[in-house]
Amino acid sequence: MSTAGLLQAGAWNYLREEITVALECQRPVRINLHIDVTAAMSEPESMYANTVTYLLARVINHCFAGDATGLGQFDDDEWMELNENLNSWNENLPPSYKPYSRAPRAGNQFPSEWYLRPWHSEFQALTL
């Protein structure tokens, strides 16, 4: 997963599709992957979107791990680690991941954030 190219892009695309299916079926994500989140911070900017995708998969696995109902024992230590990883990821985002504007949209009661980069559509969906 560390070598950029078509194989890496396909693997990340597969993981995103697997996340969708796992959520729909309320089951863990089928991944056999471990990424050092702090090491990923030194990768190109596009890797930040991949890293948060990986963190989402881990959160899903944490929530659906356990018995057949998917409601297994909740491990507080692992949950805290996931939270720390997400906070670290968020704190280390490059400036290009910040919205260029937070101007409110007329008639919308929710906060607005406006982005320009290609990876922002995926990034925004994952962080909502």
Foldseek 3Di string as FASTA:
>chain_A
DQDDDDVVVVVLVVLVVQLVVCVVVLAARDDDDDDDLVVLLPPDLLVLLSSLSVLSNVVSNQQQDDDPVSHHDHDPVVVVVSVVSVVVSVVSRDPLQAFPDQDDDPPDPDTDGHHDDPCNVSVVVSVD
